Amino acid sequence: MKITHYSFGKIVVDGNEYTQDLIVFPDNIFPSWWRKEGHCLCIEDLAEVLKNNVNILVVGTGAYERMRVPASLIEELKQKGIETFVSNTEKAVDLFNQFMDEGKNVAGAFHLTC
């Protein structure tokens, strides 16, 4: 999977445009990703990530970084063998693409708006 464009509220993955939050895996997409608490990420929100046995998770927290990722969640993911990187969605897209280019087993969970 290659993300070729991100702007507020829109992302293009392998030529397909999405306008709702999503999770991107090396070989598939989990569209219309909703979170239990909206702008605060919790482990339940990452069930698809845990099912896919990735080693790296890149979290895009939105254009203005409004989605919070608690340190306790990052630690919980670390205990499960998942290294987590968190930044605004624009930077997260670049990092996800870099890991994909390097052949890493990565997932990207992207909040597309605020």
Protein backbone atom coordinates (compact mmCIF):
# COMPACT_ATOMS: atom_id res chain seq x y z
CA MET A 1 0.00 0.00 0.00
CA LYS A 2 1.21 3.46 -0.83
CA ILE A 3 -0.35 6.68 0.42
CA THR A 4 0.01 9.27 -2.31
CA HIS A 5 -1.93 12.16 -0.84
CA TYR A 6 -3.17 13.51 2.47
CA SER A 7 -4.99 16.76 3.14
CA PHE A 8 -7.49 17.71 5.82
CA GLY A 9 -10.30 15.14 5.62
CA LYS A 10 -8.92 13.23 2.62
CA ILE A 11 -6.34 10.53 2.00
CA VAL A 12 -5.48 8.60 -1.17
CA VAL A 13 -4.20 5.03 -0.81
CA ASP A 14 -3.24 3.06 -3.92
CA GLY A 15 -5.32 5.41 -6.06
CA ASN A 16 -8.46 5.16 -3.91
CA GLU A 17 -9.73 8.24 -2.07
CA TYR A 18 -11.02 7.97 1.51
CA THR A 19 -12.74 10.70 3.50
CA GLN A 20 -13.16 8.88 6.81
CA ASP A 21 -10.56 7.75 9.33
CA LEU A 22 -9.00 4.42 8.43
CA ILE A 23 -6.32 1.88 9.24
CA VAL A 24 -3.92 0.91 6.46
CA PHE A 25 -2.08 -2.42 6.48
CA PRO A 26 0.55 -3.66 4.01
CA ASP A 27 -2.09 -5.65 2.10
CA ASN A 28 -5.50 -4.24 3.05
CA ILE A 29 -7.45 -1.30 4.45
CA PHE A 30 -9.87 -1.11 7.36
CA PRO A 31 -12.11 1.80 6.27
CA SER A 32 -14.44 3.95 8.35
CA TRP A 33 -12.40 3.48 11.53
CA TRP A 34 -14.34 4.70 14.58
CA ARG A 35 -12.97 5.10 18.07
CA LYS A 36 -14.76 4.39 21.33
CA GLU A 37 -13.94 7.83 22.74
CA GLY A 38 -13.55 9.85 19.54
CA HIS A 39 -10.41 11.88 20.14
CA CYS A 40 -8.76 9.58 22.68
CA LEU A 41 -7.27 6.35 21.40
CA CYS A 42 -7.72 3.18 23.48
CA ILE A 43 -6.73 -0.45 23.02
CA GLU A 44 -10.25 -1.46 21.93
CA ASP A 45 -9.91 0.90 18.97
CA LEU A 46 -6.96 -1.13 17.73
CA ALA A 47 -8.57 -4.58 17.56
CA GLU A 48 -7.88 -4.79 13.81
CA VAL A 49 -4.23 -3.87 14.37
CA LEU A 50 -3.85 -6.59 16.99
CA LYS A 51 -5.46 -9.17 14.65
CA ASN A 52 -2.96 -8.36 11.90
CA ASN A 53 0.18 -9.08 13.95
CA VAL A 54 2.12 -5.99 12.92
CA ASN A 55 5.38 -4.96 14.57
CA ILE A 56 5.01 -1.22 14.01
CA LEU A 57 2.02 1.10 14.38
CA VAL A 58 2.07 4.64 13.03
CA VAL A 59 -0.71 6.82 14.45
CA GLY A 60 -1.77 9.99 12.68
CA THR A 61 -3.44 12.19 15.27
CA GLY A 62 -5.07 14.59 12.80
CA ALA A 63 -4.01 17.78 11.06
CA TYR A 64 -3.97 19.66 14.36
CA GLU A 65 -3.08 16.65 16.55
CA ARG A 66 -6.42 16.63 18.38
CA MET A 67 -6.53 12.86 18.86
CA ARG A 68 -4.75 11.89 22.08
CA VAL A 69 -2.66 8.74 22.44
CA PRO A 70 -2.05 8.02 26.13
CA ALA A 71 1.43 6.92 27.19
CA SER A 72 -0.21 3.93 28.89
CA LEU A 73 -1.53 2.76 25.51
CA ILE A 74 1.89 3.06 23.91
CA GLU A 75 3.31 0.99 26.77
CA GLU A 76 0.55 -1.63 26.41
CA LEU A 77 1.30 -1.92 22.70
CA LYS A 78 5.01 -2.23 23.46
CA GLN A 79 4.22 -5.14 25.80
CA LYS A 80 2.43 -6.77 22.85
CA GLY A 81 5.51 -6.33 20.65
CA ILE A 82 4.28 -3.29 18.71
CA GLU A 83 6.50 -0.22 18.43
CA THR A 84 4.30 2.87 18.14
CA PHE A 85 5.03 6.20 16.45
CA VAL A 86 2.66 9.13 16.97
CA SER A 87 2.54 12.44 15.10
CA ASN A 88 0.25 14.68 13.10
CA THR A 89 -1.30 12.85 10.17
CA GLU A 90 0.84 14.50 7.49
CA LYS A 91 4.08 13.36 9.17
CA ALA A 92 2.55 9.98 10.04
CA VAL A 93 1.75 9.37 6.35
CA ASP A 94 5.38 10.05 5.42
CA LEU A 95 6.62 7.71 8.15
CA PHE A 96 4.17 4.97 7.15
CA ASN A 97 5.34 5.19 3.52
CA GLN A 98 8.97 5.06 4.66
CA PHE A 99 8.36 1.90 6.68
CA MET A 100 6.47 0.35 3.76
CA ASP A 101 9.37 1.16 1.41
CA GLU A 102 11.70 -0.56 3.88
CA GLY A 103 9.50 -3.68 3.84
CA LYS A 104 8.47 -3.36 7.49
CA ASN A 105 5.36 -5.04 8.89
CA VAL A 106 3.54 -1.79 9.65
CA ALA A 107 0.01 -0.50 10.14
CA GLY A 108 -1.08 3.11 9.95
CA ALA A 109 -4.08 4.37 11.92
CA PHE A 110 -5.03 7.76 10.54
CA HIS A 111 -7.37 10.43 11.92
CA LEU A 112 -8.02 12.60 8.87
CA THR A 113 -9.51 15.79 10.26
CA CYS A 114 -8.73 17.84 13.34
